[in-house]
PDB file of N, CA and C in Angstrom:
ATOM      1  N   MET A   1       0.852  -1.173   0.000  1.00  0.00           N
ATOM      2  CA  MET A   1       0.000   0.000   0.000  1.00  0.00           C
ATOM      3  C   MET A   1       0.900   1.239   0.000  1.00  0.00           C
ATOM      4  N   ALA A   2       0.690   2.106  -0.937  1.00  0.00           N
ATOM      5  CA  ALA A   2       1.510   3.305  -1.052  1.00  0.00           C
ATOM      6  C   ALA A   2       0.982   4.410  -0.146  1.00  0.00           C
ATOM      7  N   TYR A   3       1.869   5.326   0.209  1.00  0.00           N
ATOM      8  CA  TYR A   3       1.480   6.482   1.003  1.00  0.00           C
ATOM      9  C   TYR A   3       2.125   7.723   0.387  1.00  0.00           C
ATOM     10  N   ASN A   4       1.605   8.864   0.740  1.00  0.00           N
ATOM     11  CA  ASN A   4       2.028  10.142   0.183  1.00  0.00           C
ATOM     12  C   ASN A   4       3.373  10.554   0.793  1.00  0.00           C
ATOM     13  N   GLU A   5       4.441  10.323   0.049  1.00  0.00           N
ATOM     14  CA  GLU A   5       5.783  10.615   0.550  1.00  0.00           C
ATOM     15  C   GLU A   5       6.028  12.114   0.703  1.00  0.00           C
ATOM     16  N   SER A   6       5.379  12.905  -0.116  1.00  0.00           N
ATOM     17  CA  SER A   6       5.500  14.361   0.002  1.00  0.00           C
ATOM     18  C   SER A   6       4.922  14.830   1.335  1.00  0.00           C
ATOM     19  N   LEU A   7       3.800  14.269   1.725  1.00  0.00           N
ATOM     20  CA  LEU A   7       3.192  14.617   3.009  1.00  0.00           C
ATOM     21  C   LEU A   7       4.084  14.155   4.160  1.00  0.00           C
ATOM     22  N   VAL A   8       4.671  12.982   4.044  1.00  0.00           N
ATOM     23  CA  VAL A   8       5.611  12.505   5.065  1.00  0.00           C
ATOM     24  C   VAL A   8       6.755  13.501   5.215  1.00  0.00           C
ATOM     25  N   ASP A   9       7.295  13.975   4.095  1.00  0.00           N
ATOM     26  CA  ASP A   9       8.392  14.949   4.136  1.00  0.00           C
ATOM     27  C   ASP A   9       7.958  16.250   4.813  1.00  0.00           C
ATOM     28  N   ARG A  10       6.747  16.704   4.527  1.00  0.00           N
ATOM     29  CA  ARG A  10       6.249  17.943   5.141  1.00  0.00           C
ATOM     30  C   ARG A  10       6.109  17.789   6.659  1.00  0.00           C
ATOM     31  N   ILE A  11       5.589  16.657   7.093  1.00  0.00           N
ATOM     32  CA  ILE A  11       5.440  16.423   8.535  1.00  0.00           C
ATOM     33  C   ILE A  11       6.819  16.285   9.178  1.00  0.00           C
ATOM     34  N   ARG A  12       7.706  15.545   8.529  1.00  0.00           N
ATOM     35  CA  ARG A  12       9.074  15.375   9.030  1.00  0.00           C
ATOM     36  C   ARG A  12       9.737  16.746   9.215  1.00  0.00           C
ATOM     37  N   GLU A  13       9.570  17.624   8.232  1.00  0.00           N
ATOM     38  CA  GLU A  13      10.145  18.969   8.306  1.00  0.00           C
ATOM     39  C   GLU A  13       9.537  19.769   9.467  1.00  0.00           C
ATOM     40  N   SER A  14       8.250  19.612   9.712  1.00  0.00           N
ATOM     41  CA  SER A  14       7.602  20.355  10.802  1.00  0.00           C
ATOM     42  C   SER A  14       8.020  19.839  12.176  1.00  0.00           C
ATOM     43  N   LEU A  15       8.574  18.633  12.220  1.00  0.00           N
ATOM     44  CA  LEU A  15       8.996  18.040  13.495  1.00  0.00           C
ATOM     45  C   LEU A  15      10.510  18.097  13.704  1.00  0.00           C
ATOM     46  N   VAL A  16      11.224  18.743  12.794  1.00  0.00           N
ATOM     47  CA  VAL A  16      12.692  18.719  12.835  1.00  0.00           C
ATOM     48  C   VAL A  16      13.264  19.257  14.148  1.00  0.00           C
ATOM     49  N   SER A  17      12.619  20.206  14.778  1.00  0.00           N
ATOM     50  CA  SER A  17      13.155  20.779  16.020  1.00  0.00           C
ATOM     51  C   SER A  17      12.613  20.085  17.273  1.00  0.00           C
ATOM     52  N   VAL A  18      11.784  19.086  17.091  1.00  0.00           N
ATOM     53  CA  VAL A  18      11.189  18.365  18.226  1.00  0.00           C
ATOM     54  C   VAL A  18      12.117  17.218  18.623  1.00  0.00           C
ATOM     55  N   PRO A  19      12.492  17.127  19.899  1.00  0.00           N
ATOM     56  CA  PRO A  19      13.364  16.024  20.325  1.00  0.00           C
ATOM     57  C   PRO A  19      12.598  14.699  20.422  1.00  0.00           C
ATOM     58  N   ASN A  20      13.341  13.628  20.344  1.00  0.00           N
ATOM     59  CA  ASN A  20      12.806  12.274  20.548  1.00  0.00           C
ATOM     60  C   ASN A  20      11.739  11.875  19.531  1.00  0.00           C
ATOM     61  N   VAL A  21      11.961  12.192  18.259  1.00  0.00           N
ATOM     62  CA  VAL A  21      11.039  11.786  17.193  1.00  0.00           C
ATOM     63  C   VAL A  21      11.615  10.552  16.508  1.00  0.00           C
ATOM     64  N   GLU A  22      10.758   9.566  16.304  1.00  0.00           N
ATOM     65  CA  GLU A  22      11.151   8.339  15.632  1.00  0.00           C
ATOM     66  C   GLU A  22      10.098   8.026  14.580  1.00  0.00           C
ATOM     67  N   GLU A  23      10.536   7.596  13.424  1.00  0.00           N
ATOM     68  CA  GLU A  23       9.609   7.195  12.358  1.00  0.00           C
ATOM     69  C   GLU A  23       9.486   5.683  12.346  1.00  0.00           C
ATOM     70  N   LYS A  24       8.255   5.225  12.218  1.00  0.00           N
ATOM     71  CA  LYS A  24       8.005   3.778  12.117  1.00  0.00           C
ATOM     72  C   LYS A  24       7.039   3.529  10.975  1.00  0.00           C
ATOM     73  N   HIS A  25       7.292   2.470  10.246  1.00  0.00           N
ATOM     74  CA  HIS A  25       6.366   2.069   9.198  1.00  0.00           C
ATOM     75  C   HIS A  25       5.317   1.160   9.835  1.00  0.00           C
ATOM     76  N   MET A  26       4.054   1.586   9.738  1.00  0.00           N
ATOM     77  CA  MET A  26       2.955   0.785  10.273  1.00  0.00           C
ATOM     78  C   MET A  26       1.659   1.189   9.586  1.00  0.00           C
ATOM     79  N   PHE A  27       0.678   0.352   9.656  1.00  0.00           N
ATOM     80  CA  PHE A  27      -0.636   0.598   9.049  1.00  0.00           C
ATOM     81  C   PHE A  27      -0.529   0.831   7.543  1.00  0.00           C
ATOM     82  N   GLY A  28       0.527   0.357   6.901  1.00  0.00           N
ATOM     83  CA  GLY A  28       0.718   0.605   5.481  1.00  0.00           C
ATOM     84  C   GLY A  28       1.172   2.020   5.197  1.00  0.00           C
ATOM     85  N   GLY A  29       1.645   2.722   6.216  1.00  0.00           N
ATOM     86  CA  GLY A  29       2.101   4.102   6.066  1.00  0.00           C
ATOM     87  C   GLY A  29       3.269   4.373   6.984  1.00  0.00           C
ATOM     88  N   VAL A  30       3.379   5.617   7.412  1.00  0.00           N
ATOM     89  CA  VAL A  30       4.466   6.035   8.307  1.00  0.00           C
ATOM     90  C   VAL A  30       3.856   6.689   9.535  1.00  0.00           C
ATOM     91  N   CYS A  31       4.400   6.339  10.693  1.00  0.00           N
ATOM     92  CA  CYS A  31       3.948   6.923  11.946  1.00  0.00           C
ATOM     93  C   CYS A  31       5.125   7.651  12.587  1.00  0.00           C
ATOM     94  N   PHE A  32       4.854   8.845  13.098  1.00  0.00           N
ATOM     95  CA  PHE A  32       5.864   9.608  13.823  1.00  0.00           C
ATOM     96  C   PHE A  32       5.594   9.431  15.311  1.00  0.00           C
ATOM     97  N   MET A  33       6.559   8.851  15.987  1.00  0.00           N
ATOM     98  CA  MET A  33       6.481   8.632  17.429  1.00  0.00           C
ATOM     99  C   MET A  33       7.270   9.760  18.097  1.00  0.00           C
ATOM    100  N   VAL A  34       6.689  10.357  19.126  1.00  0.00           N
ATOM    101  CA  VAL A  34       7.370  11.391  19.899  1.00  0.00           C
ATOM    102  C   VAL A  34       7.415  10.904  21.339  1.00  0.00           C
ATOM    103  N   LYS A  35       8.616  10.834  21.884  1.00  0.00           N
ATOM    104  CA  LYS A  35       8.830  10.311  23.241  1.00  0.00           C
ATOM    105  C   LYS A  35       8.227   8.917  23.395  1.00  0.00           C
ATOM    106  N   GLY A  36       8.331   8.122  22.336  1.00  0.00           N
ATOM    107  CA  GLY A  36       7.852   6.747  22.369  1.00  0.00           C
ATOM    108  C   GLY A  36       6.348   6.594  22.234  1.00  0.00           C
ATOM    109  N   LYS A  37       5.637   7.684  21.947  1.00  0.00           N
ATOM    110  CA  LYS A  37       4.178   7.636  21.830  1.00  0.00           C
ATOM    111  C   LYS A  37       3.742   8.053  20.427  1.00  0.00           C
ATOM    112  N   MET A  38       2.744   7.350  19.906  1.00  0.00           N
ATOM    113  CA  MET A  38       2.214   7.680  18.596  1.00  0.00           C
ATOM    114  C   MET A  38       1.721   9.125  18.606  1.00  0.00           C
ATOM    115  N   CYS A  39       2.140   9.898  17.593  1.00  0.00           N
ATOM    116  CA  CYS A  39       1.800  11.321  17.556  1.00  0.00           C
ATOM    117  C   CYS A  39       1.049  11.676  16.278  1.00  0.00           C
ATOM    118  N   ALA A  40       1.644  11.388  15.136  1.00  0.00           N
ATOM    119  CA  ALA A  40       1.041  11.727  13.843  1.00  0.00           C
ATOM    120  C   ALA A  40       1.548  10.725  12.818  1.00  0.00           C
ATOM    121  N   GLY A  41       0.935  10.738  11.658  1.00  0.00           N
ATOM    122  CA  GLY A  41       1.389   9.829  10.628  1.00  0.00           C
ATOM    123  C   GLY A  41       0.717  10.092   9.300  1.00  0.00           C
ATOM    124  N   VAL A  42       1.058   9.255   8.341  1.00  0.00           N
ATOM    125  CA  VAL A  42       0.479   9.338   7.010  1.00  0.00           C
ATOM    126  C   VAL A  42       0.023   7.953   6.594  1.00  0.00           C
ATOM    127  N   ILE A  43      -1.225   7.871   6.201  1.00  0.00           N
ATOM    128  CA  ILE A  43      -1.786   6.639   5.661  1.00  0.00           C
ATOM    129  C   ILE A  43      -2.436   7.017   4.340  1.00  0.00           C
ATOM    130  N   LYS A  44      -1.954   6.416   3.269  1.00  0.00           N
ATOM    131  CA  LYS A  44      -2.354   6.776   1.902  1.00  0.00           C
ATOM    132  C   LYS A  44      -2.108   8.267   1.691  1.00  0.00           C
ATOM    133  N   ASP A  45      -3.155   9.052   1.462  1.00  0.00           N
ATOM    134  CA  ASP A  45      -2.988  10.486   1.217  1.00  0.00           C
ATOM    135  C   ASP A  45      -3.481  11.336   2.373  1.00  0.00           C
ATOM    136  N   GLU A  46      -3.681  10.742   3.530  1.00  0.00           N
ATOM    137  CA  GLU A  46      -4.222  11.476   4.667  1.00  0.00           C
ATOM    138  C   GLU A  46      -3.233  11.507   5.826  1.00  0.00           C
ATOM    139  N   MET A  47      -3.357  12.565   6.614  1.00  0.00           N
ATOM    140  CA  MET A  47      -2.580  12.674   7.836  1.00  0.00           C
ATOM    141  C   MET A  47      -3.389  12.062   8.968  1.00  0.00           C
ATOM    142  N   MET A  48      -2.747  11.212   9.742  1.00  0.00           N
ATOM    143  CA  MET A  48      -3.365  10.635  10.931  1.00  0.00           C
ATOM    144  C   MET A  48      -2.896  11.476  12.108  1.00  0.00           C
ATOM    145  N   CYS A  49      -3.833  11.952  12.915  1.00  0.00           N
ATOM    146  CA  CYS A  49      -3.501  12.794  14.054  1.00  0.00           C
ATOM    147  C   CYS A  49      -4.013  12.168  15.341  1.00  0.00           C
ATOM    148  N   ARG A  50      -3.148  12.086  16.335  1.00  0.00           N
ATOM    149  CA  ARG A  50      -3.568  11.679  17.670  1.00  0.00           C
ATOM    150  C   ARG A  50      -3.738  12.963  18.467  1.00  0.00           C
ATOM    151  N   ILE A  51      -4.986  13.244  18.824  1.00  0.00           N
ATOM    152  CA  ILE A  51      -5.307  14.517  19.477  1.00  0.00           C
ATOM    153  C   ILE A  51      -6.019  14.276  20.797  1.00  0.00           C
ATOM    154  N   ASP A  52      -6.165  15.325  21.552  1.00  0.00           N
ATOM    155  CA  ASP A  52      -6.916  15.270  22.801  1.00  0.00           C
ATOM    156  C   ASP A  52      -8.354  14.868  22.487  1.00  0.00           C
ATOM    157  N   PRO A  53      -8.838  13.766  23.061  1.00  0.00           N
ATOM    158  CA  PRO A  53     -10.210  13.343  22.787  1.00  0.00           C
ATOM    159  C   PRO A  53     -11.247  14.424  23.101  1.00  0.00           C
ATOM    160  N   ALA A  54     -10.944  15.336  24.003  1.00  0.00           N
ATOM    161  CA  ALA A  54     -11.875  16.422  24.331  1.00  0.00           C
ATOM    162  C   ALA A  54     -12.045  17.388  23.156  1.00  0.00           C
ATOM    163  N   LEU A  55     -11.092  17.419  22.232  1.00  0.00           N
ATOM    164  CA  LEU A  55     -11.166  18.308  21.066  1.00  0.00           C
ATOM    165  C   LEU A  55     -11.741  17.622  19.831  1.00  0.00           C
ATOM    166  N   GLU A  56     -11.936  16.340  19.931  1.00  0.00           N
ATOM    167  CA  GLU A  56     -12.332  15.553  18.761  1.00  0.00           C
ATOM    168  C   GLU A  56     -13.628  16.055  18.117  1.00  0.00           C
ATOM    169  N   GLU A  57     -14.633  16.292  18.909  1.00  0.00           N
ATOM    170  CA  GLU A  57     -15.918  16.742  18.374  1.00  0.00           C
ATOM    171  C   GLU A  57     -15.765  18.060  17.613  1.00  0.00           C
ATOM    172  N   THR A  58     -14.952  18.964  18.138  1.00  0.00           N
ATOM    173  CA  THR A  58     -14.732  20.267  17.504  1.00  0.00           C
ATOM    174  C   THR A  58     -14.007  20.122  16.169  1.00  0.00           C
ATOM    175  N   VAL A  59     -12.929  19.346  16.131  1.00  0.00           N
ATOM    176  CA  VAL A  59     -12.169  19.231  14.883  1.00  0.00           C
ATOM    177  C   VAL A  59     -12.928  18.430  13.832  1.00  0.00           C
ATOM    178  N   LEU A  60     -13.787  17.524  14.270  1.00  0.00           N
ATOM    179  CA  LEU A  60     -14.557  16.742  13.301  1.00  0.00           C
ATOM    180  C   LEU A  60     -15.592  17.591  12.561  1.00  0.00           C
ATOM    181  N   GLU A  61     -15.842  18.783  13.047  1.00  0.00           N
ATOM    182  CA  GLU A  61     -16.743  19.699  12.336  1.00  0.00           C
ATOM    183  C   GLU A  61     -16.059  20.333  11.130  1.00  0.00           C
ATOM    184  N   MET A  62     -14.742  20.240  11.069  1.00  0.00           N
ATOM    185  CA  MET A  62     -13.999  20.782   9.929  1.00  0.00           C
ATOM    186  C   MET A  62     -14.195  19.848   8.737  1.00  0.00           C
ATOM    187  N   PRO A  63     -14.439  20.403   7.549  1.00  0.00           N
ATOM    188  CA  PRO A  63     -14.734  19.557   6.388  1.00  0.00           C
ATOM    189  C   PRO A  63     -13.581  18.643   5.965  1.00  0.00           C
ATOM    190  N   SER A  64     -12.373  18.963   6.356  1.00  0.00           N
ATOM    191  CA  SER A  64     -11.216  18.161   5.956  1.00  0.00           C
ATOM    192  C   SER A  64     -10.919  17.008   6.910  1.00  0.00           C
ATOM    193  N   CYS A  65     -11.682  16.896   7.972  1.00  0.00           N
ATOM    194  CA  CYS A  65     -11.381  15.954   9.053  1.00  0.00           C
ATOM    195  C   CYS A  65     -12.460  14.878   9.157  1.00  0.00           C
ATOM    196  N   ARG A  66     -12.028  13.651   9.446  1.00  0.00           N
ATOM    197  CA  ARG A  66     -12.975  12.558   9.669  1.00  0.00           C
ATOM    198  C   ARG A  66     -12.420  11.619  10.736  1.00  0.00           C
ATOM    199  N   PRO A  67     -13.292  10.837  11.353  1.00  0.00           N
ATOM    200  CA  PRO A  67     -12.810   9.907  12.383  1.00  0.00           C
ATOM    201  C   PRO A  67     -11.855   8.873  11.782  1.00  0.00           C
ATOM    202  N   MET A  68     -10.913   8.433  12.562  1.00  0.00           N
ATOM    203  CA  MET A  68     -10.016   7.359  12.136  1.00  0.00           C
ATOM    204  C   MET A  68     -10.684   6.043  12.486  1.00  0.00           C
ATOM    205  N   ASP A  69     -10.936   5.252  11.469  1.00  0.00           N
ATOM    206  CA  ASP A  69     -11.563   3.949  11.714  1.00  0.00           C
ATOM    207  C   ASP A  69     -10.979   2.910  10.770  1.00  0.00           C
ATOM    208  N   PHE A  70     -10.312   1.939  11.346  1.00  0.00           N
ATOM    209  CA  PHE A  70      -9.746   0.851  10.555  1.00  0.00           C
ATOM    210  C   PHE A  70     -10.705  -0.322  10.474  1.00  0.00           C
ATOM    211  N   SER A  71     -11.423  -0.553  11.536  1.00  0.00           N
ATOM    212  CA  SER A  71     -12.273  -1.739  11.610  1.00  0.00           C
ATOM    213  C   SER A  71     -13.758  -1.398  11.583  1.00  0.00           C
ATOM    214  N   GLY A  72     -14.096  -0.188  11.140  1.00  0.00           N
ATOM    215  CA  GLY A  72     -15.489   0.218  11.124  1.00  0.00           C
ATOM    216  C   GLY A  72     -15.918   0.865  12.429  1.00  0.00           C
ATOM    217  N   ARG A  73     -15.008   0.894  13.403  1.00  0.00           N
ATOM    218  CA  ARG A  73     -15.294   1.528  14.688  1.00  0.00           C
ATOM    219  C   ARG A  73     -14.251   2.619  14.919  1.00  0.00           C
ATOM    220  N   PRO A  74     -14.688   3.877  15.040  1.00  0.00           N
ATOM    221  CA  PRO A  74     -13.728   4.977  15.203  1.00  0.00           C
ATOM    222  C   PRO A  74     -12.885   4.839  16.480  1.00  0.00           C
ATOM    223  N   LEU A  75     -11.635   5.238  16.373  1.00  0.00           N
ATOM    224  CA  LEU A  75     -10.737   5.235  17.523  1.00  0.00           C
ATOM    225  C   LEU A  75     -10.806   6.601  18.190  1.00  0.00           C
ATOM    226  N   LYS A  76     -11.113   6.634  19.458  1.00  0.00           N
ATOM    227  CA  LYS A  76     -11.244   7.891  20.196  1.00  0.00           C
ATOM    228  C   LYS A  76      -9.885   8.591  20.261  1.00  0.00           C
ATOM    229  N   GLY A  77      -9.889   9.875  19.913  1.00  0.00           N
ATOM    230  CA  GLY A  77      -8.664  10.662  19.973  1.00  0.00           C
ATOM    231  C   GLY A  77      -7.799  10.573  18.732  1.00  0.00           C
ATOM    232  N   TYR A  78      -8.292   9.910  17.697  1.00  0.00           N
ATOM    233  CA  TYR A  78      -7.551   9.796  16.442  1.00  0.00           C
ATOM    234  C   TYR A  78      -8.438  10.269  15.302  1.00  0.00           C
ATOM    235  N   VAL A  79      -7.878  11.092  14.417  1.00  0.00           N
ATOM    236  CA  VAL A  79      -8.615  11.578  13.259  1.00  0.00           C
ATOM    237  C   VAL A  79      -7.728  11.536  12.020  1.00  0.00           C
ATOM    238  N   PHE A  80      -8.383  11.508  10.870  1.00  0.00           N
ATOM    239  CA  PHE A  80      -7.705  11.657   9.585  1.00  0.00           C
ATOM    240  C   PHE A  80      -7.993  13.049   9.062  1.00  0.00           C
ATOM    241  N   VAL A  81      -6.998  13.652   8.423  1.00  0.00           N
ATOM    242  CA  VAL A  81      -7.158  14.964   7.794  1.00  0.00           C
ATOM    243  C   VAL A  81      -6.756  14.801   6.334  1.00  0.00           C
ATOM    244  N   ASP A  82      -7.649  15.233   5.437  1.00  0.00           N
ATOM    245  CA  ASP A  82      -7.319  15.118   4.015  1.00  0.00           C
ATOM    246  C   ASP A  82      -6.537  16.332   3.537  1.00  0.00           C
ATOM    247  N   GLU A  83      -6.108  16.265   2.293  1.00  0.00           N
ATOM    248  CA  GLU A  83      -5.235  17.292   1.723  1.00  0.00           C
ATOM    249  C   GLU A  83      -5.805  18.707   1.827  1.00  0.00           C
ATOM    250  N   SER A  84      -7.115  18.845   1.722  1.00  0.00           N
ATOM    251  CA  SER A  84      -7.716  20.187   1.754  1.00  0.00           C
ATOM    252  C   SER A  84      -7.533  20.875   3.111  1.00  0.00           C
ATOM    253  N   GLY A  85      -7.259  20.104   4.144  1.00  0.00           N
ATOM    254  CA  GLY A  85      -7.086  20.667   5.472  1.00  0.00           C
ATOM    255  C   GLY A  85      -5.666  21.042   5.822  1.00  0.00           C
ATOM    256  N   MET A  86      -4.738  20.811   4.878  1.00  0.00           N
ATOM    257  CA  MET A  86      -3.332  21.103   5.181  1.00  0.00           C
ATOM    258  C   MET A  86      -2.567  21.550   3.950  1.00  0.00           C
ATOM    259  N   ARG A  87      -3.234  22.337   3.138  1.00  0.00           N
ATOM    260  CA  ARG A  87      -2.583  22.836   1.912  1.00  0.00           C
ATOM    261  C   ARG A  87      -1.417  23.764   2.220  1.00  0.00           C
ATOM    262  N   SER A  88      -1.600  24.650   3.179  1.00  0.00           N
ATOM    263  CA  SER A  88      -0.522  25.590   3.514  1.00  0.00           C
ATOM    264  C   SER A  88       0.320  25.036   4.669  1.00  0.00           C
ATOM    265  N   LYS A  89       1.493  25.605   4.812  1.00  0.00           N
ATOM    266  CA  LYS A  89       2.372  25.221   5.920  1.00  0.00           C
ATOM    267  C   LYS A  89       1.700  25.539   7.255  1.00  0.00           C
ATOM    268  N   LYS A  90       0.998  26.671   7.306  1.00  0.00           N
ATOM    269  CA  LYS A  90       0.293  27.079   8.526  1.00  0.00           C
ATOM    270  C   LYS A  90      -0.808  26.074   8.892  1.00  0.00           C
ATOM    271  N   ASP A  91      -1.549  25.607   7.882  1.00  0.00           N
ATOM    272  CA  ASP A  91      -2.604  24.617   8.133  1.00  0.00           C
ATOM    273  C   ASP A  91      -2.016  23.309   8.657  1.00  0.00           C
ATOM    274  N   LEU A  92      -0.932  22.853   8.027  1.00  0.00           N
ATOM    275  CA  LEU A  92      -0.280  21.620   8.476  1.00  0.00           C
ATOM    276  C   LEU A  92       0.221  21.788   9.902  1.00  0.00           C
ATOM    277  N   GLN A  93       0.823  22.927  10.192  1.00  0.00           N
ATOM    278  CA  GLN A  93       1.366  23.166  11.532  1.00  0.00           C
ATOM    279  C   GLN A  93       0.269  23.151  12.593  1.00  0.00           C
ATOM    280  N   TYR A  94      -0.934  23.606  12.232  1.00  0.00           N
ATOM    281  CA  TYR A  94      -2.076  23.553  13.160  1.00  0.00           C
ATOM    282  C   TYR A  94      -2.293  22.113  13.629  1.00  0.00           C
ATOM    283  N   TRP A  95      -2.314  21.179  12.691  1.00  0.00           N
ATOM    284  CA  TRP A  95      -2.558  19.773  13.038  1.00  0.00           C
ATOM    285  C   TRP A  95      -1.373  19.182  13.799  1.00  0.00           C
ATOM    286  N   VAL A  96      -0.164  19.497  13.363  1.00  0.00           N
ATOM    287  CA  VAL A  96       1.026  18.998  14.066  1.00  0.00           C
ATOM    288  C   VAL A  96       1.020  19.501  15.508  1.00  0.00           C
ATOM    289  N   ASN A  97       0.672  20.759  15.710  1.00  0.00           N
ATOM    290  CA  ASN A  97       0.631  21.318  17.065  1.00  0.00           C
ATOM    291  C   ASN A  97      -0.426  20.641  17.930  1.00  0.00           C
ATOM    292  N   LEU A  98      -1.595  20.336  17.356  1.00  0.00           N
ATOM    293  CA  LEU A  98      -2.611  19.599  18.124  1.00  0.00           C
ATOM    294  C   LEU A  98      -2.054  18.249  18.584  1.00  0.00           C
ATOM    295  N   CYS A  99      -1.340  17.587  17.686  1.00  0.00           N
ATOM    296  CA  CYS A  99      -0.746  16.286  18.019  1.00  0.00           C
ATOM    297  C   CYS A  99       0.315  16.426  19.110  1.00  0.00           C
ATOM    298  N   LEU A 100       1.191  17.410  18.971  1.00  0.00           N
ATOM    299  CA  LEU A 100       2.258  17.608  19.951  1.00  0.00           C
ATOM    300  C   LEU A 100       1.701  18.029  21.307  1.00  0.00           C
ATOM    301  N   ASP A 101       0.678  18.872  21.305  1.00  0.00           N
ATOM    302  CA  ASP A 101       0.063  19.302  22.569  1.00  0.00           C
ATOM    303  C   ASP A 101      -0.469  18.098  23.340  1.00  0.00           C
ATOM    304  N   PHE A 102      -1.128  17.194  22.639  1.00  0.00           N
ATOM    305  CA  PHE A 102      -1.683  16.027  23.325  1.00  0.00           C
ATOM    306  C   PHE A 102      -0.589  15.041  23.706  1.00  0.00           C
ATOM    307  N   ASN A 103       0.455  14.950  22.889  1.00  0.00           N
ATOM    308  CA  ASN A 103       1.522  13.984  23.148  1.00  0.00           C
ATOM    309  C   ASN A 103       2.134  14.161  24.529  1.00  0.00           C
ATOM    310  N   ALA A 104       2.203  15.389  24.985  1.00  0.00           N
ATOM    311  CA  ALA A 104       2.792  15.653  26.303  1.00  0.00           C
ATOM    312  C   ALA A 104       2.020  14.955  27.419  1.00  0.00           C
ATOM    313  N   ASN A 105       0.714  14.764  27.231  1.00  0.00           N
ATOM    314  CA  ASN A 105      -0.132  14.143  28.259  1.00  0.00           C
ATOM    315  C   ASN A 105      -0.597  12.734  27.906  1.00  0.00           C
ATOM    316  N   ALA A 106      -0.329  12.302  26.680  1.00  0.00           N
ATOM    317  CA  ALA A 106      -0.793  10.986  26.229  1.00  0.00           C
ATOM    318  C   ALA A 106      -0.066   9.873  26.966  1.00  0.00           C
ATOM    319  N   LYS A 107      -0.769   8.785  27.128  1.00  0.00           N
ATOM    320  CA  LYS A 107      -0.157   7.611  27.747  1.00  0.00           C
ATOM    321  C   LYS A 107       0.474   6.749  26.654  1.00  0.00           C
ATOM    322  N   SER A 108       1.583   6.136  26.991  1.00  0.00           N
ATOM    323  CA  SER A 108       2.224   5.215  26.064  1.00  0.00           C
ATOM    324  C   SER A 108       1.386   3.954  25.980  1.00  0.00           C
ATOM    325  N   SER A 109       1.394   3.330  24.797  1.00  0.00           N
ATOM    326  CA  SER A 109       0.687   2.067  24.693  1.00  0.00           C
ATOM    327  C   SER A 109       1.496   1.000  25.432  1.00  0.00           C
ATOM    328  N   LYS A 110       0.799   0.007  25.910  1.00  0.00           N
ATOM    329  CA  LYS A 110       1.469  -1.054  26.659  1.00  0.00           C
ATOM    330  C   LYS A 110       2.319  -1.892  25.712  1.00  0.00           C
ATOM    331  N   LYS A 111       3.502  -2.197  26.145  1.00  0.00           N
ATOM    332  CA  LYS A 111       4.410  -3.033  25.355  1.00  0.00           C
ATOM    333  C   LYS A 111       3.964  -4.484  25.464  1.00  0.00           C
ATOM    334  N   LYS A 112       3.951  -5.163  24.315  1.00  0.00           N
ATOM    335  CA  LYS A 112       3.579  -6.569  24.305  1.00  0.00           C
ATOM    336  C   LYS A 112       4.744  -7.415  24.809  1.00  0.00           C
ATOM    337  N   LYS A 113       4.415  -8.401  25.629  1.00  0.00           N
ATOM    338  CA  LYS A 113       5.454  -9.309  26.114  1.00  0.00           C
ATOM    339  C   LYS A 113       5.819 -10.275  25.016  1.00  0.00           C
ATOM    340  N   LYS A 114       7.117 -10.548  24.936  1.00  0.00           N
ATOM    341  CA  LYS A 114       7.603 -11.477  23.895  1.00  0.00           C
ATOM    342  C   LYS A 114       7.605 -12.892  24.392  1.00  0.00           C
TER     343      LYS A 114
END
């Protein structure tokens, strides 16, 4: 499954000054981990954002935003943003900032035992 490499580059550039960023390939795309926690990513042509669940209802009112759902059931605190919502650098930075703001308080996912 292909993903938008240009969008990955734009997100990577917006995170260049953020410490502890790691890129991982997952979900058929790229995920940016900050301090070991999922923060943002790219799946196909959309940006995946992990945001404060309290803001989810507000951002979902934006026409470029939709719930993130892999299995037909939306994941709380995760949204997809299409290209129309991040055409400018300022628009992209808005979403990156929402992700980074929540990352500071987000819990790490539990590590699976081997």
